[in-house]
């Protein structure tokens, strides 16, 4: 089997995490990810899991160990993790835990671009985001209360707890921004011309880096 030193995708890591439990076929993996809400932190598009499984097999990280048939459904190929897969998974887990990675999320981009809107429009969009965040936080609180009520050790849903904490923090920050804009603590520029010439950093020669 061919090997690859390229970092595994988050979906590939999620697949290998499942295969630590037992051999599975791709359909079972998909169902478990949705049941455990893994698809909230991993992009799970139709067909993407099957393509990722094929890639992991090509890289020698998983292997076919049998087939399963239920009723009149087609046979499903069952995969298990190889020793190489376990080593690769462990190495990348250590790397991802200890290393800061740049996260190119859309919200900071929208905040920067939003300064080109009029203030009432900008505030309206922020309030809509805050409303959506409140709804999401409330839905997640239900899940948190349930797993705590079931006495499920937190280490088994620590990823969900982290995302939930992030969302609550984003809601608090967004509400504070709305308040600061409405009270004038964060001034809204009347004349935006030339504002993009400002920069937070300087280039190597001591000159301002101009924002494009």
C-alpha atoms as a PDB file:
ATOM      1  CA  UNK A   1       0.000   0.000   0.000  1.00  0.00           C
ATOM      2  CA  UNK A   2       1.104   3.548  -0.715  1.00  0.00           C
ATOM      3  CA  UNK A   3       1.729   5.834   2.207  1.00  0.00           C
ATOM      4  CA  UNK A   4       1.322   9.579   2.577  1.00  0.00           C
ATOM      5  CA  UNK A   5       2.887  12.066   4.956  1.00  0.00           C
ATOM      6  CA  UNK A   6       0.246  14.711   4.206  1.00  0.00           C
ATOM      7  CA  UNK A   7      -1.871  15.619   7.253  1.00  0.00           C
ATOM      8  CA  UNK A   8      -5.125  13.719   7.487  1.00  0.00           C
ATOM      9  CA  UNK A   9      -8.358  15.639   7.046  1.00  0.00           C
ATOM     10  CA  UNK A  10     -10.714  16.065   9.991  1.00  0.00           C
ATOM     11  CA  UNK A  11     -13.082  13.585   8.340  1.00  0.00           C
ATOM     12  CA  UNK A  12     -10.279  11.013   8.017  1.00  0.00           C
ATOM     13  CA  UNK A  13      -9.433  11.496  11.685  1.00  0.00           C
ATOM     14  CA  UNK A  14     -13.091  11.011  12.621  1.00  0.00           C
ATOM     15  CA  UNK A  15     -13.206   7.764  10.634  1.00  0.00           C
ATOM     16  CA  UNK A  16     -10.078   6.422  12.317  1.00  0.00           C
ATOM     17  CA  UNK A  17     -11.462   7.422  15.713  1.00  0.00           C
ATOM     18  CA  UNK A  18     -14.553   5.280  15.050  1.00  0.00           C
ATOM     19  CA  UNK A  19     -12.446   2.356  13.903  1.00  0.00           C
ATOM     20  CA  UNK A  20     -10.716   2.347  17.276  1.00  0.00           C
ATOM     21  CA  UNK A  21     -13.985   0.921  18.621  1.00  0.00           C
ATOM     22  CA  UNK A  22     -14.463  -1.914  16.117  1.00  0.00           C
ATOM     23  CA  UNK A  23     -14.419  -2.689  12.383  1.00  0.00           C
ATOM     24  CA  UNK A  24     -17.254  -0.921  10.550  1.00  0.00           C
ATOM     25  CA  UNK A  25     -18.685  -0.370   7.103  1.00  0.00           C
ATOM     26  CA  UNK A  26     -19.003   3.204   5.766  1.00  0.00           C
ATOM     27  CA  UNK A  27     -22.777   3.372   6.207  1.00  0.00           C
ATOM     28  CA  UNK A  28     -22.447   2.550   9.917  1.00  0.00           C
ATOM     29  CA  UNK A  29     -19.740   5.209  10.232  1.00  0.00           C
ATOM     30  CA  UNK A  30     -22.051   7.811   8.695  1.00  0.00           C
ATOM     31  CA  UNK A  31     -24.933   6.898  10.976  1.00  0.00           C
ATOM     32  CA  UNK A  32     -22.772   6.982  14.110  1.00  0.00           C
ATOM     33  CA  UNK A  33     -21.293  10.376  13.175  1.00  0.00           C
ATOM     34  CA  UNK A  34     -24.769  11.842  12.823  1.00  0.00           C
ATOM     35  CA  UNK A  35     -26.030  10.154  15.989  1.00  0.00           C
ATOM     36  CA  UNK A  36     -23.067  11.481  17.981  1.00  0.00           C
ATOM     37  CA  UNK A  37     -23.244  14.906  16.284  1.00  0.00           C
ATOM     38  CA  UNK A  38     -19.763  14.517  14.848  1.00  0.00           C
ATOM     39  CA  UNK A  39     -21.145  16.092  11.679  1.00  0.00           C
ATOM     40  CA  UNK A  40     -21.362  19.367  13.649  1.00  0.00           C
ATOM     41  CA  UNK A  41     -17.564  19.625  13.718  1.00  0.00           C
ATOM     42  CA  UNK A  42     -16.653  17.617  10.609  1.00  0.00           C
ATOM     43  CA  UNK A  43     -17.961  18.423   7.146  1.00  0.00           C
ATOM     44  CA  UNK A  44     -19.863  15.300   6.132  1.00  0.00           C
ATOM     45  CA  UNK A  45     -21.080  15.691   2.564  1.00  0.00           C
ATOM     46  CA  UNK A  46     -22.835  12.939   0.587  1.00  0.00           C
ATOM     47  CA  UNK A  47     -20.201  10.598  -0.796  1.00  0.00           C
ATOM     48  CA  UNK A  48     -17.319  12.351   0.979  1.00  0.00           C
ATOM     49  CA  UNK A  49     -17.020   9.661   3.636  1.00  0.00           C
ATOM     50  CA  UNK A  50     -16.833   6.887   1.037  1.00  0.00           C
ATOM     51  CA  UNK A  51     -14.120   8.742  -0.896  1.00  0.00           C
ATOM     52  CA  UNK A  52     -12.163   9.303   2.311  1.00  0.00           C
ATOM     53  CA  UNK A  53     -12.440   5.610   3.224  1.00  0.00           C
ATOM     54  CA  UNK A  54     -11.043   4.675  -0.192  1.00  0.00           C
ATOM     55  CA  UNK A  55      -8.167   7.116   0.285  1.00  0.00           C
ATOM     56  CA  UNK A  56      -7.352   5.742   3.740  1.00  0.00           C
ATOM     57  CA  UNK A  57      -7.262   2.235   2.317  1.00  0.00           C
ATOM     58  CA  UNK A  58      -4.950   3.345  -0.496  1.00  0.00           C
ATOM     59  CA  UNK A  59      -2.641   4.920   2.094  1.00  0.00           C
ATOM     60  CA  UNK A  60      -2.531   1.661   4.059  1.00  0.00           C
ATOM     61  CA  UNK A  61      -4.197   3.163   7.138  1.00  0.00           C
ATOM     62  CA  UNK A  62      -7.250   0.899   6.989  1.00  0.00           C
ATOM     63  CA  UNK A  63      -7.953  -2.460   5.377  1.00  0.00           C
ATOM     64  CA  UNK A  64     -10.892  -4.604   4.315  1.00  0.00           C
ATOM     65  CA  UNK A  65     -11.652  -7.323   6.865  1.00  0.00           C
ATOM     66  CA  UNK A  66     -14.942  -8.698   5.530  1.00  0.00           C
ATOM     67  CA  UNK A  67     -18.427  -7.931   4.270  1.00  0.00           C
ATOM     68  CA  UNK A  68     -21.868  -7.721   5.839  1.00  0.00           C
ATOM     69  CA  UNK A  69     -25.315  -8.220   4.341  1.00  0.00           C
ATOM     70  CA  UNK A  70     -28.624  -7.274   5.932  1.00  0.00           C
ATOM     71  CA  UNK A  71     -31.728  -8.649   4.287  1.00  0.00           C
ATOM     72  CA  UNK A  72     -31.871  -7.925   0.584  1.00  0.00           C
ATOM     73  CA  UNK A  73     -29.502  -4.965   0.786  1.00  0.00           C
ATOM     74  CA  UNK A  74     -26.196  -5.086  -1.115  1.00  0.00           C
ATOM     75  CA  UNK A  75     -23.142  -6.358   0.720  1.00  0.00           C
ATOM     76  CA  UNK A  76     -21.278  -3.707   2.686  1.00  0.00           C
ATOM     77  CA  UNK A  77     -17.510  -3.742   2.941  1.00  0.00           C
ATOM     78  CA  UNK A  78     -16.203  -3.726   6.510  1.00  0.00           C
ATOM     79  CA  UNK A  79     -12.956  -1.906   7.321  1.00  0.00           C
ATOM     80  CA  UNK A  80     -10.547  -2.057  10.246  1.00  0.00           C
ATOM     81  CA  UNK A  81      -7.586   0.087  11.163  1.00  0.00           C
ATOM     82  CA  UNK A  82      -4.065  -1.148  10.440  1.00  0.00           C
ATOM     83  CA  UNK A  83      -1.092  -0.728  12.763  1.00  0.00           C
ATOM     84  CA  UNK A  84       0.142   2.010  10.466  1.00  0.00           C
ATOM     85  CA  UNK A  85      -3.243   3.685  10.780  1.00  0.00           C
ATOM     86  CA  UNK A  86      -3.055   3.610  14.577  1.00  0.00           C
ATOM     87  CA  UNK A  87       0.440   5.106  14.565  1.00  0.00           C
ATOM     88  CA  UNK A  88      -0.539   7.826  12.078  1.00  0.00           C
ATOM     89  CA  UNK A  89      -3.702   8.649  14.019  1.00  0.00           C
ATOM     90  CA  UNK A  90      -1.804   8.948  17.300  1.00  0.00           C
ATOM     91  CA  UNK A  91       0.940  11.101  15.765  1.00  0.00           C
ATOM     92  CA  UNK A  92      -1.521  13.513  14.173  1.00  0.00           C
ATOM     93  CA  UNK A  93      -3.630  13.698  17.328  1.00  0.00           C
ATOM     94  CA  UNK A  94      -0.557  14.807  19.288  1.00  0.00           C
ATOM     95  CA  UNK A  95       0.263  17.366  16.588  1.00  0.00           C
ATOM     96  CA  UNK A  96      -3.268  18.786  16.500  1.00  0.00           C
ATOM     97  CA  UNK A  97      -3.494  19.010  20.295  1.00  0.00           C
ATOM     98  CA  UNK A  98      -0.190  20.806  20.815  1.00  0.00           C
ATOM     99  CA  UNK A  99       0.071  23.033  17.733  1.00  0.00           C
ATOM    100  CA  UNK A 100      -1.808  26.258  17.046  1.00  0.00           C
ATOM    101  CA  UNK A 101      -3.266  26.249  13.553  1.00  0.00           C
ATOM    102  CA  UNK A 102      -4.684  29.217  11.660  1.00  0.00           C
ATOM    103  CA  UNK A 103      -8.455  28.885  11.465  1.00  0.00           C
ATOM    104  CA  UNK A 104      -9.868  30.709   8.444  1.00  0.00           C
ATOM    105  CA  UNK A 105     -13.454  31.122   9.619  1.00  0.00           C
ATOM    106  CA  UNK A 106     -15.965  33.386   7.875  1.00  0.00           C
ATOM    107  CA  UNK A 107     -17.002  35.605  10.803  1.00  0.00           C
ATOM    108  CA  UNK A 108     -13.780  37.670  11.091  1.00  0.00           C
ATOM    109  CA  UNK A 109     -13.862  38.194   7.316  1.00  0.00           C
ATOM    110  CA  UNK A 110     -17.474  39.367   7.537  1.00  0.00           C
ATOM    111  CA  UNK A 111     -16.658  41.700  10.447  1.00  0.00           C
ATOM    112  CA  UNK A 112     -13.959  43.378   8.389  1.00  0.00           C
ATOM    113  CA  UNK A 113     -16.110  43.580   5.272  1.00  0.00           C
ATOM    114  CA  UNK A 114     -19.102  44.750   7.300  1.00  0.00           C
ATOM    115  CA  UNK A 115     -17.485  48.125   7.958  1.00  0.00           C
ATOM    116  CA  UNK A 116     -18.391  48.969   4.356  1.00  0.00           C
ATOM    117  CA  UNK A 117     -22.099  48.721   5.245  1.00  0.00           C
ATOM    118  CA  UNK A 118     -24.134  51.439   6.870  1.00  0.00           C
ATOM    119  CA  UNK A 119     -24.265  51.161  10.648  1.00  0.00           C
ATOM    120  CA  UNK A 120     -27.998  50.267  10.896  1.00  0.00           C
ATOM    121  CA  UNK A 121     -27.512  47.470   8.357  1.00  0.00           C
ATOM    122  CA  UNK A 122     -24.397  46.193  10.147  1.00  0.00           C
ATOM    123  CA  UNK A 123     -26.221  46.172  13.474  1.00  0.00           C
ATOM    124  CA  UNK A 124     -29.217  44.375  11.989  1.00  0.00           C
ATOM    125  CA  UNK A 125     -27.001  41.544  10.715  1.00  0.00           C
ATOM    126  CA  UNK A 126     -25.176  41.295  14.037  1.00  0.00           C
ATOM    127  CA  UNK A 127     -28.482  41.061  15.902  1.00  0.00           C
ATOM    128  CA  UNK A 128     -29.654  38.337  13.538  1.00  0.00           C
ATOM    129  CA  UNK A 129     -26.421  36.437  14.205  1.00  0.00           C
ATOM    130  CA  UNK A 130     -26.900  36.855  17.944  1.00  0.00           C
ATOM    131  CA  UNK A 131     -30.436  35.490  17.652  1.00  0.00           C
ATOM    132  CA  UNK A 132     -29.157  32.441  15.740  1.00  0.00           C
ATOM    133  CA  UNK A 133     -26.379  31.957  18.267  1.00  0.00           C
ATOM    134  CA  UNK A 134     -28.856  32.072  21.156  1.00  0.00           C
ATOM    135  CA  UNK A 135     -30.953  29.402  19.470  1.00  0.00           C
ATOM    136  CA  UNK A 136     -27.917  27.196  18.869  1.00  0.00           C
ATOM    137  CA  UNK A 137     -26.599  27.632  22.407  1.00  0.00           C
ATOM    138  CA  UNK A 138     -30.015  26.714  23.826  1.00  0.00           C
ATOM    139  CA  UNK A 139     -30.180  23.567  21.677  1.00  0.00           C
ATOM    140  CA  UNK A 140     -26.694  22.567  22.794  1.00  0.00           C
ATOM    141  CA  UNK A 141     -27.591  23.148  26.444  1.00  0.00           C
ATOM    142  CA  UNK A 142     -30.263  20.462  26.054  1.00  0.00           C
ATOM    143  CA  UNK A 143     -27.624  18.006  24.817  1.00  0.00           C
ATOM    144  CA  UNK A 144     -25.220  18.944  27.623  1.00  0.00           C
ATOM    145  CA  UNK A 145     -27.933  18.470  30.254  1.00  0.00           C
ATOM    146  CA  UNK A 146     -28.808  15.066  28.784  1.00  0.00           C
ATOM    147  CA  UNK A 147     -25.273  13.662  28.719  1.00  0.00           C
ATOM    148  CA  UNK A 148     -24.651  14.957  32.220  1.00  0.00           C
ATOM    149  CA  UNK A 149     -27.902  13.375  33.357  1.00  0.00           C
ATOM    150  CA  UNK A 150     -26.780  10.098  31.797  1.00  0.00           C
ATOM    151  CA  UNK A 151     -23.499  10.413  33.745  1.00  0.00           C
ATOM    152  CA  UNK A 152     -21.504  10.119  30.522  1.00  0.00           C
ATOM    153  CA  UNK A 153     -17.882  10.974  31.408  1.00  0.00           C
ATOM    154  CA  UNK A 154     -17.072  14.413  29.985  1.00  0.00           C
ATOM    155  CA  UNK A 155     -13.929  13.169  28.255  1.00  0.00           C
ATOM    156  CA  UNK A 156     -16.213  11.347  25.790  1.00  0.00           C
ATOM    157  CA  UNK A 157     -17.966  14.561  24.745  1.00  0.00           C
ATOM    158  CA  UNK A 158     -15.176  17.038  25.410  1.00  0.00           C
ATOM    159  CA  UNK A 159     -15.193  18.092  21.738  1.00  0.00           C
ATOM    160  CA  UNK A 160     -18.872  19.066  21.998  1.00  0.00           C
ATOM    161  CA  UNK A 161     -18.176  20.940  25.244  1.00  0.00           C
ATOM    162  CA  UNK A 162     -15.399  22.913  23.540  1.00  0.00           C
ATOM    163  CA  UNK A 163     -17.582  23.911  20.576  1.00  0.00           C
ATOM    164  CA  UNK A 164     -20.403  24.853  22.956  1.00  0.00           C
ATOM    165  CA  UNK A 165     -18.045  27.041  24.986  1.00  0.00           C
ATOM    166  CA  UNK A 166     -16.816  28.698  21.787  1.00  0.00           C
ATOM    167  CA  UNK A 167     -20.357  29.456  20.671  1.00  0.00           C
ATOM    168  CA  UNK A 168     -21.291  30.985  24.038  1.00  0.00           C
ATOM    169  CA  UNK A 169     -18.145  33.111  23.940  1.00  0.00           C
ATOM    170  CA  UNK A 170     -18.968  34.269  20.417  1.00  0.00           C
ATOM    171  CA  UNK A 171     -22.483  35.201  21.516  1.00  0.00           C
ATOM    172  CA  UNK A 172     -21.166  37.212  24.488  1.00  0.00           C
ATOM    173  CA  UNK A 173     -18.616  38.987  22.281  1.00  0.00           C
ATOM    174  CA  UNK A 174     -21.194  39.783  19.595  1.00  0.00           C
ATOM    175  CA  UNK A 175     -23.681  41.166  22.129  1.00  0.00           C
ATOM    176  CA  UNK A 176     -20.932  43.382  23.588  1.00  0.00           C
ATOM    177  CA  UNK A 177     -20.029  44.629  20.105  1.00  0.00           C
ATOM    178  CA  UNK A 178     -23.679  45.504  19.425  1.00  0.00           C
ATOM    179  CA  UNK A 179     -23.857  47.388  22.716  1.00  0.00           C
ATOM    180  CA  UNK A 180     -20.599  49.245  22.072  1.00  0.00           C
ATOM    181  CA  UNK A 181     -21.701  50.281  18.590  1.00  0.00           C
ATOM    182  CA  UNK A 182     -25.106  51.463  19.800  1.00  0.00           C
ATOM    183  CA  UNK A 183     -23.603  53.485  22.663  1.00  0.00           C
ATOM    184  CA  UNK A 184     -20.751  54.868  20.587  1.00  0.00           C
ATOM    185  CA  UNK A 185     -18.014  53.154  22.615  1.00  0.00           C
ATOM    186  CA  UNK A 186     -16.874  51.782  19.250  1.00  0.00           C
ATOM    187  CA  UNK A 187     -17.200  54.772  16.891  1.00  0.00           C
ATOM    188  CA  UNK A 188     -18.563  54.206  13.407  1.00  0.00           C
ATOM    189  CA  UNK A 189     -16.551  56.196  10.826  1.00  0.00           C
ATOM    190  CA  UNK A 190     -18.576  58.748   8.860  1.00  0.00           C
ATOM    191  CA  UNK A 191     -15.948  58.856   6.123  1.00  0.00           C
ATOM    192  CA  UNK A 192     -14.539  55.425   5.281  1.00  0.00           C
ATOM    193  CA  UNK A 193     -12.244  56.626   2.508  1.00  0.00           C
ATOM    194  CA  UNK A 194      -8.608  55.767   3.173  1.00  0.00           C
ATOM    195  CA  UNK A 195      -9.373  53.616   6.211  1.00  0.00           C
ATOM    196  CA  UNK A 196      -8.021  50.518   4.478  1.00  0.00           C
ATOM    197  CA  UNK A 197      -4.584  52.146   4.473  1.00  0.00           C
ATOM    198  CA  UNK A 198      -4.319  51.375   8.176  1.00  0.00           C
ATOM    199  CA  UNK A 199      -2.522  48.210   9.217  1.00  0.00           C
ATOM    200  CA  UNK A 200      -1.901  46.299  12.431  1.00  0.00           C
ATOM    201  CA  UNK A 201       1.564  45.174  11.391  1.00  0.00           C
ATOM    202  CA  UNK A 202       4.639  46.571   9.705  1.00  0.00           C
ATOM    203  CA  UNK A 203       6.731  44.983   6.995  1.00  0.00           C
ATOM    204  CA  UNK A 204      10.351  44.018   7.461  1.00  0.00           C
ATOM    205  CA  UNK A 205      11.585  47.489   6.490  1.00  0.00           C
ATOM    206  CA  UNK A 206       9.511  49.221   9.130  1.00  0.00           C
ATOM    207  CA  UNK A 207       6.897  50.462   6.656  1.00  0.00           C
ATOM    208  CA  UNK A 208       3.228  49.841   7.087  1.00  0.00           C
ATOM    209  CA  UNK A 209       1.852  46.885   5.183  1.00  0.00           C
ATOM    210  CA  UNK A 210      -1.053  48.229   3.168  1.00  0.00           C
ATOM    211  CA  UNK A 211      -4.218  46.225   3.260  1.00  0.00           C
ATOM    212  CA  UNK A 212      -5.314  45.183  -0.196  1.00  0.00           C
END
